[in-house]
Amino acid sequence: MSAYLEQAIGVLLSPVAPVYDTLAGQSARAPYITYTFIVGTTWRDINGPSGIRQVTVQVDAYSQTVSGRAQMARDIRLILDGYRGIVSAGGTHGLRWQGGRGKGGSGNPGGLQGGC
């Protein structure tokens, strides 16, 4: 995943809680958010690779309470669903929200996809 996309995720989600790449340190205290690169796909057309790459990023919300996680998930969705702006530096050309729900009420608000 590009450094620019990682920075964009941190900037977009930091109003909700501190944001960490993959794992929060042992000293991190809830609430916090982690994101993890899941998969990347290179788009192709009839002429071969198009130069566009789509990545899927999992976003997880952590809080001391179930209601806290639920509120964080709503806040994250609101930020990502309502995002309007340019995300084009470093080869990233867009963000798309793919809604989801964590297993067993874990507070996972879903996936963020970015095309680059």
PDB file of N, CA and C in Angstrom:
ATOM      1  N   MET A   1       0.856  -1.169   0.000  1.00  0.00           N
ATOM      2  CA  MET A   1       0.000   0.000   0.000  1.00  0.00           C
ATOM      3  C   MET A   1       0.897   1.226   0.000  1.00  0.00           C
ATOM      4  N   SER A   2       0.475   2.250  -0.719  1.00  0.00           N
ATOM      5  CA  SER A   2       1.316   3.439  -0.818  1.00  0.00           C
ATOM      6  C   SER A   2       1.345   4.211   0.500  1.00  0.00           C
ATOM      7  N   ALA A   3       2.469   4.869   0.727  1.00  0.00           N
ATOM      8  CA  ALA A   3       2.607   5.691   1.933  1.00  0.00           C
ATOM      9  C   ALA A   3       1.563   6.792   1.944  1.00  0.00           C
ATOM     10  N   TYR A   4       1.210   7.300   0.761  1.00  0.00           N
ATOM     11  CA  TYR A   4       0.210   8.359   0.695  1.00  0.00           C
ATOM     12  C   TYR A   4      -1.155   7.858   1.165  1.00  0.00           C
ATOM     13  N   LEU A   5      -1.552   6.650   0.752  1.00  0.00           N
ATOM     14  CA  LEU A   5      -2.835   6.102   1.187  1.00  0.00           C
ATOM     15  C   LEU A   5      -2.831   5.875   2.691  1.00  0.00           C
ATOM     16  N   GLU A   6      -1.717   5.393   3.234  1.00  0.00           N
ATOM     17  CA  GLU A   6      -1.614   5.216   4.682  1.00  0.00           C
ATOM     18  C   GLU A   6      -1.781   6.544   5.395  1.00  0.00           C
ATOM     19  N   GLN A   7      -1.146   7.580   4.874  1.00  0.00           N
ATOM     20  CA  GLN A   7      -1.273   8.917   5.478  1.00  0.00           C
ATOM     21  C   GLN A   7      -2.708   9.418   5.369  1.00  0.00           C
ATOM     22  N   ALA A   8      -3.353   9.195   4.216  1.00  0.00           N
ATOM     23  CA  ALA A   8      -4.738   9.644   4.025  1.00  0.00           C
ATOM     24  C   ALA A   8      -5.675   8.977   5.024  1.00  0.00           C
ATOM     25  N   ILE A   9      -5.491   7.679   5.266  1.00  0.00           N
ATOM     26  CA  ILE A   9      -6.329   6.967   6.233  1.00  0.00           C
ATOM     27  C   ILE A   9      -6.149   7.588   7.616  1.00  0.00           C
ATOM     28  N   GLY A  10      -4.903   7.826   8.002  1.00  0.00           N
ATOM     29  CA  GLY A  10      -4.631   8.421   9.311  1.00  0.00           C
ATOM     30  C   GLY A  10      -5.263   9.792   9.461  1.00  0.00           C
ATOM     31  N   VAL A  11      -5.137  10.625   8.443  1.00  0.00           N
ATOM     32  CA  VAL A  11      -5.702  11.976   8.506  1.00  0.00           C
ATOM     33  C   VAL A  11      -7.221  11.932   8.550  1.00  0.00           C
ATOM     34  N   LEU A  12      -7.833  11.096   7.725  1.00  0.00           N
ATOM     35  CA  LEU A  12      -9.299  11.028   7.680  1.00  0.00           C
ATOM     36  C   LEU A  12      -9.895  10.518   8.994  1.00  0.00           C
ATOM     37  N   LEU A  13      -9.265   9.514   9.591  1.00  0.00           N
ATOM     38  CA  LEU A  13      -9.865   8.854  10.758  1.00  0.00           C
ATOM     39  C   LEU A  13      -9.385   9.387  12.103  1.00  0.00           C
ATOM     40  N   SER A  14      -8.337  10.199  12.122  1.00  0.00           N
ATOM     41  CA  SER A  14      -7.796  10.686  13.398  1.00  0.00           C
ATOM     42  C   SER A  14      -8.768  11.520  14.226  1.00  0.00           C
ATOM     43  N   PRO A  15      -9.784  12.181  13.645  1.00  0.00           N
ATOM     44  CA  PRO A  15     -10.741  12.874  14.513  1.00  0.00           C
ATOM     45  C   PRO A  15     -11.547  11.923  15.409  1.00  0.00           C
ATOM     46  N   VAL A  16     -11.648  10.649  15.025  1.00  0.00           N
ATOM     47  CA  VAL A  16     -12.416   9.679  15.808  1.00  0.00           C
ATOM     48  C   VAL A  16     -11.585   9.154  16.976  1.00  0.00           C
ATOM     49  N   ALA A  17     -10.343   8.772  16.705  1.00  0.00           N
ATOM     50  CA  ALA A  17      -9.458   8.191  17.721  1.00  0.00           C
ATOM     51  C   ALA A  17      -8.064   8.075  17.121  1.00  0.00           C
ATOM     52  N   PRO A  18      -7.046   7.819  17.955  1.00  0.00           N
ATOM     53  CA  PRO A  18      -5.712   7.586  17.395  1.00  0.00           C
ATOM     54  C   PRO A  18      -5.744   6.426  16.402  1.00  0.00           C
ATOM     55  N   VAL A  19      -4.947   6.526  15.336  1.00  0.00           N
ATOM     56  CA  VAL A  19      -4.952   5.538  14.252  1.00  0.00           C
ATOM     57  C   VAL A  19      -3.582   4.876  14.169  1.00  0.00           C
ATOM     58  N   TYR A  20      -3.582   3.527  14.081  1.00  0.00           N
ATOM     59  CA  TYR A  20      -2.350   2.756  14.000  1.00  0.00           C
ATOM     60  C   TYR A  20      -2.381   1.844  12.778  1.00  0.00           C
ATOM     61  N   ASP A  21      -1.219   1.641  12.185  1.00  0.00           N
ATOM     62  CA  ASP A  21      -1.062   0.730  11.062  1.00  0.00           C
ATOM     63  C   ASP A  21      -0.926  -0.691  11.600  1.00  0.00           C
ATOM     64  N   THR A  22      -1.884  -1.528  11.324  1.00  0.00           N
ATOM     65  CA  THR A  22      -1.938  -2.950  11.654  1.00  0.00           C
ATOM     66  C   THR A  22      -2.114  -3.233  13.147  1.00  0.00           C
ATOM     67  N   LEU A  23      -1.179  -2.825  13.981  1.00  0.00           N
ATOM     68  CA  LEU A  23      -1.264  -3.105  15.415  1.00  0.00           C
ATOM     69  C   LEU A  23      -1.009  -1.847  16.220  1.00  0.00           C
ATOM     70  N   ALA A  24      -1.742  -1.703  17.299  1.00  0.00           N
ATOM     71  CA  ALA A  24      -1.466  -0.624  18.247  1.00  0.00           C
ATOM     72  C   ALA A  24      -0.401  -1.142  19.211  1.00  0.00           C
ATOM     73  N   GLY A  25       0.445  -0.271  19.675  1.00  0.00           N
ATOM     74  CA  GLY A  25       1.472  -0.676  20.626  1.00  0.00           C
ATOM     75  C   GLY A  25       0.864  -1.132  21.946  1.00  0.00           C
ATOM     76  N   GLN A  26       1.661  -1.802  22.748  1.00  0.00           N
ATOM     77  CA  GLN A  26       1.169  -2.299  24.028  1.00  0.00           C
ATOM     78  C   GLN A  26       0.738  -1.171  24.952  1.00  0.00           C
ATOM     79  N   SER A  27       1.287   0.000  24.759  1.00  0.00           N
ATOM     80  CA  SER A  27       0.922   1.131  25.618  1.00  0.00           C
ATOM     81  C   SER A  27      -0.340   1.854  25.132  1.00  0.00           C
ATOM     82  N   ALA A  28      -0.869   1.464  23.966  1.00  0.00           N
ATOM     83  CA  ALA A  28      -2.080   2.120  23.436  1.00  0.00           C
ATOM     84  C   ALA A  28      -3.272   1.806  24.331  1.00  0.00           C
ATOM     85  N   ARG A  29      -4.057   2.827  24.578  1.00  0.00           N
ATOM     86  CA  ARG A  29      -5.266   2.656  25.386  1.00  0.00           C
ATOM     87  C   ARG A  29      -6.473   2.972  24.535  1.00  0.00           C
ATOM     88  N   ALA A  30      -7.491   2.137  24.651  1.00  0.00           N
ATOM     89  CA  ALA A  30      -8.727   2.351  23.899  1.00  0.00           C
ATOM     90  C   ALA A  30      -9.372   3.663  24.340  1.00  0.00           C
ATOM     91  N   PRO A  31      -9.984   4.378  23.444  1.00  0.00           N
ATOM     92  CA  PRO A  31     -10.321   3.985  22.080  1.00  0.00           C
ATOM     93  C   PRO A  31      -9.167   4.240  21.108  1.00  0.00           C
ATOM     94  N   TYR A  32      -9.085   3.364  20.089  1.00  0.00           N
ATOM     95  CA  TYR A  32      -8.153   3.569  18.996  1.00  0.00           C
ATOM     96  C   TYR A  32      -8.637   2.792  17.771  1.00  0.00           C
ATOM     97  N   ILE A  33      -8.023   3.086  16.641  1.00  0.00           N
ATOM     98  CA  ILE A  33      -8.380   2.481  15.360  1.00  0.00           C
ATOM     99  C   ILE A  33      -7.126   1.838  14.780  1.00  0.00           C
ATOM    100  N   THR A  34      -7.281   0.660  14.187  1.00  0.00           N
ATOM    101  CA  THR A  34      -6.192   0.070  13.408  1.00  0.00           C
ATOM    102  C   THR A  34      -6.690  -0.152  11.987  1.00  0.00           C
ATOM    103  N   TYR A  35      -5.763  -0.159  11.061  1.00  0.00           N
ATOM    104  CA  TYR A  35      -6.102  -0.504   9.685  1.00  0.00           C
ATOM    105  C   TYR A  35      -5.065  -1.494   9.173  1.00  0.00           C
ATOM    106  N   THR A  36      -5.524  -2.391   8.308  1.00  0.00           N
ATOM    107  CA  THR A  36      -4.666  -3.446   7.790  1.00  0.00           C
ATOM    108  C   THR A  36      -4.881  -3.585   6.293  1.00  0.00           C
ATOM    109  N   PHE A  37      -3.807  -3.606   5.529  1.00  0.00           N
ATOM    110  CA  PHE A  37      -3.870  -3.885   4.105  1.00  0.00           C
ATOM    111  C   PHE A  37      -4.285  -5.341   3.932  1.00  0.00           C
ATOM    112  N   ILE A  38      -5.341  -5.587   3.158  1.00  0.00           N
ATOM    113  CA  ILE A  38      -5.856  -6.940   2.983  1.00  0.00           C
ATOM    114  C   ILE A  38      -5.416  -7.531   1.644  1.00  0.00           C
ATOM    115  N   VAL A  39      -5.705  -6.838   0.556  1.00  0.00           N
ATOM    116  CA  VAL A  39      -5.393  -7.373  -0.768  1.00  0.00           C
ATOM    117  C   VAL A  39      -5.240  -6.222  -1.752  1.00  0.00           C
ATOM    118  N   GLY A  40      -4.490  -6.457  -2.779  1.00  0.00           N
ATOM    119  CA  GLY A  40      -4.342  -5.483  -3.854  1.00  0.00           C
ATOM    120  C   GLY A  40      -4.561  -6.170  -5.190  1.00  0.00           C
ATOM    121  N   THR A  41      -5.261  -5.519  -6.084  1.00  0.00           N
ATOM    122  CA  THR A  41      -5.550  -6.064  -7.398  1.00  0.00           C
ATOM    123  C   THR A  41      -5.150  -5.046  -8.453  1.00  0.00           C
ATOM    124  N   THR A  42      -4.424  -5.497  -9.455  1.00  0.00           N
ATOM    125  CA  THR A  42      -4.076  -4.628 -10.563  1.00  0.00           C
ATOM    126  C   THR A  42      -5.143  -4.770 -11.639  1.00  0.00           C
ATOM    127  N   TRP A  43      -5.708  -3.645 -12.044  1.00  0.00           N
ATOM    128  CA  TRP A  43      -6.718  -3.670 -13.097  1.00  0.00           C
ATOM    129  C   TRP A  43      -6.040  -3.870 -14.439  1.00  0.00           C
ATOM    130  N   ARG A  44      -6.687  -4.616 -15.290  1.00  0.00           N
ATOM    131  CA  ARG A  44      -6.167  -4.887 -16.631  1.00  0.00           C
ATOM    132  C   ARG A  44      -7.253  -4.569 -17.656  1.00  0.00           C
ATOM    133  N   ASP A  45      -6.784  -4.202 -18.829  1.00  0.00           N
ATOM    134  CA  ASP A  45      -7.720  -4.042 -19.934  1.00  0.00           C
ATOM    135  C   ASP A  45      -7.218  -4.904 -21.089  1.00  0.00           C
ATOM    136  N   ILE A  46      -7.788  -4.745 -22.246  1.00  0.00           N
ATOM    137  CA  ILE A  46      -7.439  -5.593 -23.387  1.00  0.00           C
ATOM    138  C   ILE A  46      -5.964  -5.491 -23.770  1.00  0.00           C
ATOM    139  N   ASN A  47      -5.331  -4.374 -23.413  1.00  0.00           N
ATOM    140  CA  ASN A  47      -3.925  -4.155 -23.739  1.00  0.00           C
ATOM    141  C   ASN A  47      -2.973  -4.590 -22.631  1.00  0.00           C
ATOM    142  N   GLY A  48      -3.494  -5.144 -21.548  1.00  0.00           N
ATOM    143  CA  GLY A  48      -2.656  -5.566 -20.438  1.00  0.00           C
ATOM    144  C   GLY A  48      -2.907  -4.710 -19.205  1.00  0.00           C
ATOM    145  N   PRO A  49      -1.901  -4.587 -18.320  1.00  0.00           N
ATOM    146  CA  PRO A  49      -2.074  -3.793 -17.099  1.00  0.00           C
ATOM    147  C   PRO A  49      -2.447  -2.346 -17.427  1.00  0.00           C
ATOM    148  N   SER A  50      -3.419  -1.816 -16.690  1.00  0.00           N
ATOM    149  CA  SER A  50      -3.915  -0.456 -16.955  1.00  0.00           C
ATOM    150  C   SER A  50      -3.157   0.612 -16.177  1.00  0.00           C
ATOM    151  N   GLY A  51      -2.348   0.187 -15.203  1.00  0.00           N
ATOM    152  CA  GLY A  51      -1.678   1.162 -14.347  1.00  0.00           C
ATOM    153  C   GLY A  51      -2.495   1.525 -13.121  1.00  0.00           C
ATOM    154  N   ILE A  52      -3.689   0.959 -13.001  1.00  0.00           N
ATOM    155  CA  ILE A  52      -4.560   1.221 -11.849  1.00  0.00           C
ATOM    156  C   ILE A  52      -4.494   0.009 -10.922  1.00  0.00           C
ATOM    157  N   ARG A  53      -4.352   0.269  -9.649  1.00  0.00           N
ATOM    158  CA  ARG A  53      -4.317  -0.790  -8.636  1.00  0.00           C
ATOM    159  C   ARG A  53      -5.358  -0.481  -7.583  1.00  0.00           C
ATOM    160  N   GLN A  54      -6.135  -1.479  -7.214  1.00  0.00           N
ATOM    161  CA  GLN A  54      -7.161  -1.331  -6.184  1.00  0.00           C
ATOM    162  C   GLN A  54      -6.728  -2.124  -4.959  1.00  0.00           C
ATOM    163  N   VAL A  55      -6.738  -1.469  -3.810  1.00  0.00           N
ATOM    164  CA  VAL A  55      -6.373  -2.139  -2.565  1.00  0.00           C
ATOM    165  C   VAL A  55      -7.558  -2.119  -1.612  1.00  0.00           C
ATOM    166  N   THR A  56      -7.659  -3.151  -0.798  1.00  0.00           N
ATOM    167  CA  THR A  56      -8.691  -3.219   0.236  1.00  0.00           C
ATOM    168  C   THR A  56      -7.998  -3.128   1.588  1.00  0.00           C
ATOM    169  N   VAL A  57      -8.532  -2.260   2.436  1.00  0.00           N
ATOM    170  CA  VAL A  57      -7.972  -2.021   3.754  1.00  0.00           C
ATOM    171  C   VAL A  57      -9.064  -2.295   4.788  1.00  0.00           C
ATOM    172  N   GLN A  58      -8.759  -3.116   5.781  1.00  0.00           N
ATOM    173  CA  GLN A  58      -9.696  -3.376   6.875  1.00  0.00           C
ATOM    174  C   GLN A  58      -9.469  -2.352   7.971  1.00  0.00           C
ATOM    175  N   VAL A  59     -10.566  -1.780   8.463  1.00  0.00           N
ATOM    176  CA  VAL A  59     -10.505  -0.796   9.543  1.00  0.00           C
ATOM    177  C   VAL A  59     -11.179  -1.402  10.766  1.00  0.00           C
ATOM    178  N   ASP A  60     -10.459  -1.434  11.900  1.00  0.00           N
ATOM    179  CA  ASP A  60     -10.999  -1.978  13.145  1.00  0.00           C
ATOM    180  C   ASP A  60     -11.052  -0.889  14.208  1.00  0.00           C
ATOM    181  N   ALA A  61     -12.138  -0.858  14.945  1.00  0.00           N
ATOM    182  CA  ALA A  61     -12.333   0.119  16.019  1.00  0.00           C
ATOM    183  C   ALA A  61     -12.290  -0.602  17.366  1.00  0.00           C
ATOM    184  N   TYR A  62     -11.562  -0.027  18.320  1.00  0.00           N
ATOM    185  CA  TYR A  62     -11.423  -0.622  19.648  1.00  0.00           C
ATOM    186  C   TYR A  62     -11.844   0.386  20.704  1.00  0.00           C
ATOM    187  N   SER A  63     -12.647  -0.076  21.649  1.00  0.00           N
ATOM    188  CA  SER A  63     -13.116   0.765  22.740  1.00  0.00           C
ATOM    189  C   SER A  63     -13.314  -0.110  23.966  1.00  0.00           C
ATOM    190  N   GLN A  64     -13.446   0.521  25.123  1.00  0.00           N
ATOM    191  CA  GLN A  64     -13.677  -0.223  26.361  1.00  0.00           C
ATOM    192  C   GLN A  64     -15.083  -0.811  26.426  1.00  0.00           C
ATOM    193  N   THR A  65     -16.008  -0.240  25.659  1.00  0.00           N
ATOM    194  CA  THR A  65     -17.407  -0.686  25.733  1.00  0.00           C
ATOM    195  C   THR A  65     -17.946  -0.998  24.343  1.00  0.00           C
ATOM    196  N   VAL A  66     -18.967  -1.827  24.304  1.00  0.00           N
ATOM    197  CA  VAL A  66     -19.647  -2.147  23.051  1.00  0.00           C
ATOM    198  C   VAL A  66     -20.259  -0.887  22.458  1.00  0.00           C
ATOM    199  N   SER A  67     -20.883  -0.074  23.302  1.00  0.00           N
ATOM    200  CA  SER A  67     -21.505   1.153  22.786  1.00  0.00           C
ATOM    201  C   SER A  67     -20.449   2.118  22.249  1.00  0.00           C
ATOM    202  N   GLY A  68     -19.268   2.136  22.855  1.00  0.00           N
ATOM    203  CA  GLY A  68     -18.177   2.967  22.361  1.00  0.00           C
ATOM    204  C   GLY A  68     -17.705   2.517  20.993  1.00  0.00           C
ATOM    205  N   ARG A  69     -17.588   1.192  20.814  1.00  0.00           N
ATOM    206  CA  ARG A  69     -17.194   0.662  19.501  1.00  0.00           C
ATOM    207  C   ARG A  69     -18.250   0.972  18.454  1.00  0.00           C
ATOM    208  N   ALA A  70     -19.500   0.825  18.837  1.00  0.00           N
ATOM    209  CA  ALA A  70     -20.589   1.107  17.894  1.00  0.00           C
ATOM    210  C   ALA A  70     -20.569   2.572  17.466  1.00  0.00           C
ATOM    211  N   GLN A  71     -20.328   3.481  18.418  1.00  0.00           N
ATOM    212  CA  GLN A  71     -20.265   4.903  18.082  1.00  0.00           C
ATOM    213  C   GLN A  71     -19.065   5.193  17.182  1.00  0.00           C
ATOM    214  N   MET A  72     -17.932   4.579  17.469  1.00  0.00           N
ATOM    215  CA  MET A  72     -16.763   4.763  16.617  1.00  0.00           C
ATOM    216  C   MET A  72     -17.046   4.269  15.201  1.00  0.00           C
ATOM    217  N   ALA A  73     -17.680   3.114  15.079  1.00  0.00           N
ATOM    218  CA  ALA A  73     -18.016   2.575  13.753  1.00  0.00           C
ATOM    219  C   ALA A  73     -18.921   3.544  12.999  1.00  0.00           C
ATOM    220  N   ARG A  74     -19.907   4.120  13.698  1.00  0.00           N
ATOM    221  CA  ARG A  74     -20.792   5.108  13.048  1.00  0.00           C
ATOM    222  C   ARG A  74     -19.999   6.333  12.609  1.00  0.00           C
ATOM    223  N   ASP A  75     -19.108   6.800  13.460  1.00  0.00           N
ATOM    224  CA  ASP A  75     -18.297   7.975  13.129  1.00  0.00           C
ATOM    225  C   ASP A  75     -17.388   7.700  11.928  1.00  0.00           C
ATOM    226  N   ILE A  76     -16.785   6.521  11.905  1.00  0.00           N
ATOM    227  CA  ILE A  76     -15.913   6.147  10.780  1.00  0.00           C
ATOM    228  C   ILE A  76     -16.719   6.079   9.491  1.00  0.00           C
ATOM    229  N   ARG A  77     -17.887   5.442   9.560  1.00  0.00           N
ATOM    230  CA  ARG A  77     -18.746   5.369   8.369  1.00  0.00           C
ATOM    231  C   ARG A  77     -19.131   6.755   7.887  1.00  0.00           C
ATOM    232  N   LEU A  78     -19.489   7.630   8.814  1.00  0.00           N
ATOM    233  CA  LEU A  78     -19.882   8.984   8.448  1.00  0.00           C
ATOM    234  C   LEU A  78     -18.743   9.716   7.742  1.00  0.00           C
ATOM    235  N   ILE A  79     -17.531   9.573   8.260  1.00  0.00           N
ATOM    236  CA  ILE A  79     -16.367  10.213   7.632  1.00  0.00           C
ATOM    237  C   ILE A  79     -16.122   9.642   6.245  1.00  0.00           C
ATOM    238  N   LEU A  80     -16.114   8.319   6.131  1.00  0.00           N
ATOM    239  CA  LEU A  80     -15.796   7.703   4.840  1.00  0.00           C
ATOM    240  C   LEU A  80     -16.933   7.833   3.836  1.00  0.00           C
ATOM    241  N   ASP A  81     -18.174   7.658   4.293  1.00  0.00           N
ATOM    242  CA  ASP A  81     -19.315   7.814   3.385  1.00  0.00           C
ATOM    243  C   ASP A  81     -19.452   9.252   2.925  1.00  0.00           C
ATOM    244  N   GLY A  82     -19.127  10.188   3.791  1.00  0.00           N
ATOM    245  CA  GLY A  82     -19.290  11.595   3.466  1.00  0.00           C
ATOM    246  C   GLY A  82     -18.063  12.238   2.867  1.00  0.00           C
ATOM    247  N   TYR A  83     -16.994  11.452   2.648  1.00  0.00           N
ATOM    248  CA  TYR A  83     -15.754  12.043   2.152  1.00  0.00           C
ATOM    249  C   TYR A  83     -15.919  12.534   0.726  1.00  0.00           C
ATOM    250  N   ARG A  84     -15.576  13.776   0.517  1.00  0.00           N
ATOM    251  CA  ARG A  84     -15.559  14.377  -0.811  1.00  0.00           C
ATOM    252  C   ARG A  84     -14.257  15.135  -0.927  1.00  0.00           C
ATOM    253  N   GLY A  85     -13.436  14.758  -1.838  1.00  0.00           N
ATOM    254  CA  GLY A  85     -12.165  15.438  -2.002  1.00  0.00           C
ATOM    255  C   GLY A  85     -11.254  14.647  -2.901  1.00  0.00           C
ATOM    256  N   ILE A  86     -10.074  15.138  -3.063  1.00  0.00           N
ATOM    257  CA  ILE A  86      -9.109  14.514  -3.957  1.00  0.00           C
ATOM    258  C   ILE A  86      -8.147  13.656  -3.153  1.00  0.00           C
ATOM    259  N   VAL A  87      -7.993  12.449  -3.584  1.00  0.00           N
ATOM    260  CA  VAL A  87      -6.985  11.551  -3.038  1.00  0.00           C
ATOM    261  C   VAL A  87      -6.242  11.027  -4.254  1.00  0.00           C
ATOM    262  N   SER A  88      -5.299  11.827  -4.752  1.00  0.00           N
ATOM    263  CA  SER A  88      -4.669  11.439  -6.007  1.00  0.00           C
ATOM    264  C   SER A  88      -3.154  11.449  -5.981  1.00  0.00           C
ATOM    265  N   ALA A  89      -2.538  11.993  -4.962  1.00  0.00           N
ATOM    266  CA  ALA A  89      -1.076  12.000  -4.925  1.00  0.00           C
ATOM    267  C   ALA A  89      -0.561  10.591  -4.664  1.00  0.00           C
ATOM    268  N   GLY A  90       0.633  10.322  -5.081  1.00  0.00           N
ATOM    269  CA  GLY A  90       1.246   9.023  -4.813  1.00  0.00           C
ATOM    270  C   GLY A  90       0.568   7.876  -5.518  1.00  0.00           C
ATOM    271  N   GLY A  91      -0.187   8.142  -6.565  1.00  0.00           N
ATOM    272  CA  GLY A  91      -0.816   7.091  -7.346  1.00  0.00           C
ATOM    273  C   GLY A  91      -2.178   6.667  -6.847  1.00  0.00           C
ATOM    274  N   THR A  92      -2.679   7.237  -5.758  1.00  0.00           N
ATOM    275  CA  THR A  92      -4.005   6.889  -5.252  1.00  0.00           C
ATOM    276  C   THR A  92      -5.020   7.799  -5.931  1.00  0.00           C
ATOM    277  N   HIS A  93      -6.051   7.207  -6.527  1.00  0.00           N
ATOM    278  CA  HIS A  93      -6.991   8.005  -7.303  1.00  0.00           C
ATOM    279  C   HIS A  93      -8.412   7.970  -6.777  1.00  0.00           C
ATOM    280  N   GLY A  94      -8.677   7.338  -5.677  1.00  0.00           N
ATOM    281  CA  GLY A  94     -10.028   7.362  -5.149  1.00  0.00           C
ATOM    282  C   GLY A  94     -10.191   6.443  -3.952  1.00  0.00           C
ATOM    283  N   LEU A  95     -11.241   6.689  -3.204  1.00  0.00           N
ATOM    284  CA  LEU A  95     -11.582   5.851  -2.054  1.00  0.00           C
ATOM    285  C   LEU A  95     -13.017   5.372  -2.215  1.00  0.00           C
ATOM    286  N   ARG A  96     -13.275   4.149  -1.822  1.00  0.00           N
ATOM    287  CA  ARG A  96     -14.621   3.605  -1.885  1.00  0.00           C
ATOM    288  C   ARG A  96     -14.870   2.839  -0.601  1.00  0.00           C
ATOM    289  N   TRP A  97     -16.016   3.067   0.002  1.00  0.00           N
ATOM    290  CA  TRP A  97     -16.401   2.380   1.235  1.00  0.00           C
ATOM    291  C   TRP A  97     -17.102   1.085   0.902  1.00  0.00           C
ATOM    292  N   GLN A  98     -16.685   0.007   1.536  1.00  0.00           N
ATOM    293  CA  GLN A  98     -17.349  -1.277   1.425  1.00  0.00           C
ATOM    294  C   GLN A  98     -17.804  -1.639   2.815  1.00  0.00           C
ATOM    295  N   GLY A  99     -19.089  -1.450   3.109  1.00  0.00           N
ATOM    296  CA  GLY A  99     -19.604  -1.642   4.458  1.00  0.00           C
ATOM    297  C   GLY A  99     -19.413  -3.051   4.955  1.00  0.00           C
ATOM    298  N   GLY A 100     -19.302  -3.165   6.260  1.00  0.00           N
ATOM    299  CA  GLY A 100     -19.118  -4.477   6.855  1.00  0.00           C
ATOM    300  C   GLY A 100     -19.439  -4.424   8.332  1.00  0.00           C
ATOM    301  N   ARG A 101     -19.367  -5.559   8.951  1.00  0.00           N
ATOM    302  CA  ARG A 101     -19.622  -5.628  10.383  1.00  0.00           C
ATOM    303  C   ARG A 101     -18.726  -6.689  10.975  1.00  0.00           C
ATOM    304  N   GLY A 102     -18.114  -6.371  12.070  1.00  0.00           N
ATOM    305  CA  GLY A 102     -17.198  -7.306  12.707  1.00  0.00           C
ATOM    306  C   GLY A 102     -17.923  -8.504  13.287  1.00  0.00           C
ATOM    307  N   LYS A 103     -17.211  -9.596  13.427  1.00  0.00           N
ATOM    308  CA  LYS A 103     -17.764 -10.805  14.015  1.00  0.00           C
ATOM    309  C   LYS A 103     -17.947 -10.616  15.509  1.00  0.00           C
ATOM    310  N   GLY A 104     -19.065 -11.048  16.016  1.00  0.00           N
ATOM    311  CA  GLY A 104     -19.295 -11.038  17.455  1.00  0.00           C
ATOM    312  C   GLY A 104     -19.273  -9.647  18.067  1.00  0.00           C
ATOM    313  N   GLY A 105     -19.660  -8.630  17.295  1.00  0.00           N
ATOM    314  CA  GLY A 105     -19.714  -7.283  17.839  1.00  0.00           C
ATOM    315  C   GLY A 105     -18.341  -6.674  18.079  1.00  0.00           C
ATOM    316  N   SER A 106     -17.351  -7.079  17.265  1.00  0.00           N
ATOM    317  CA  SER A 106     -15.987  -6.592  17.500  1.00  0.00           C
ATOM    318  C   SER A 106     -15.819  -5.122  17.172  1.00  0.00           C
ATOM    319  N   GLY A 107     -16.803  -4.537  16.500  1.00  0.00           N
ATOM    320  CA  GLY A 107     -16.714  -3.122  16.192  1.00  0.00           C
ATOM    321  C   GLY A 107     -16.022  -2.829  14.881  1.00  0.00           C
ATOM    322  N   ASN A 108     -15.758  -3.847  14.055  1.00  0.00           N
ATOM    323  CA  ASN A 108     -15.128  -3.622  12.760  1.00  0.00           C
ATOM    324  C   ASN A 108     -16.108  -2.919  11.848  1.00  0.00           C
ATOM    325  N   PRO A 109     -15.827  -1.664  11.486  1.00  0.00           N
ATOM    326  CA  PRO A 109     -16.775  -0.920  10.682  1.00  0.00           C
ATOM    327  C   PRO A 109     -16.760  -1.265   9.206  1.00  0.00           C
ATOM    328  N   GLY A 110     -15.838  -2.063   8.730  1.00  0.00           N
ATOM    329  CA  GLY A 110     -15.857  -2.453   7.326  1.00  0.00           C
ATOM    330  C   GLY A 110     -14.538  -2.198   6.653  1.00  0.00           C
ATOM    331  N   GLY A 111     -14.581  -2.131   5.343  1.00  0.00           N
ATOM    332  CA  GLY A 111     -13.361  -2.000   4.575  1.00  0.00           C
ATOM    333  C   GLY A 111     -13.320  -0.713   3.779  1.00  0.00           C
ATOM    334  N   LEU A 112     -12.155  -0.198   3.607  1.00  0.00           N
ATOM    335  CA  LEU A 112     -11.908   0.985   2.801  1.00  0.00           C
ATOM    336  C   LEU A 112     -11.125   0.525   1.594  1.00  0.00           C
ATOM    337  N   GLN A 113     -11.581   0.887   0.410  1.00  0.00           N
ATOM    338  CA  GLN A 113     -10.858   0.497  -0.783  1.00  0.00           C
ATOM    339  C   GLN A 113     -10.323   1.732  -1.461  1.00  0.00           C
ATOM    340  N   GLY A 114      -9.110   1.642  -1.921  1.00  0.00           N
ATOM    341  CA  GLY A 114      -8.497   2.751  -2.644  1.00  0.00           C
ATOM    342  C   GLY A 114      -7.947   2.268  -3.958  1.00  0.00           C
ATOM    343  N   GLY A 115      -8.211   3.014  -5.006  1.00  0.00           N
ATOM    344  CA  GLY A 115      -7.642   2.701  -6.317  1.00  0.00           C
ATOM    345  C   GLY A 115      -6.402   3.540  -6.512  1.00  0.00           C
ATOM    346  N   CYS A 116      -5.335   2.925  -7.000  1.00  0.00           N
ATOM    347  CA  CYS A 116      -4.131   3.706  -7.237  1.00  0.00           C
ATOM    348  C   CYS A 116      -3.524   3.372  -8.575  1.00  0.00           C
TER     349      CYS A 116
END
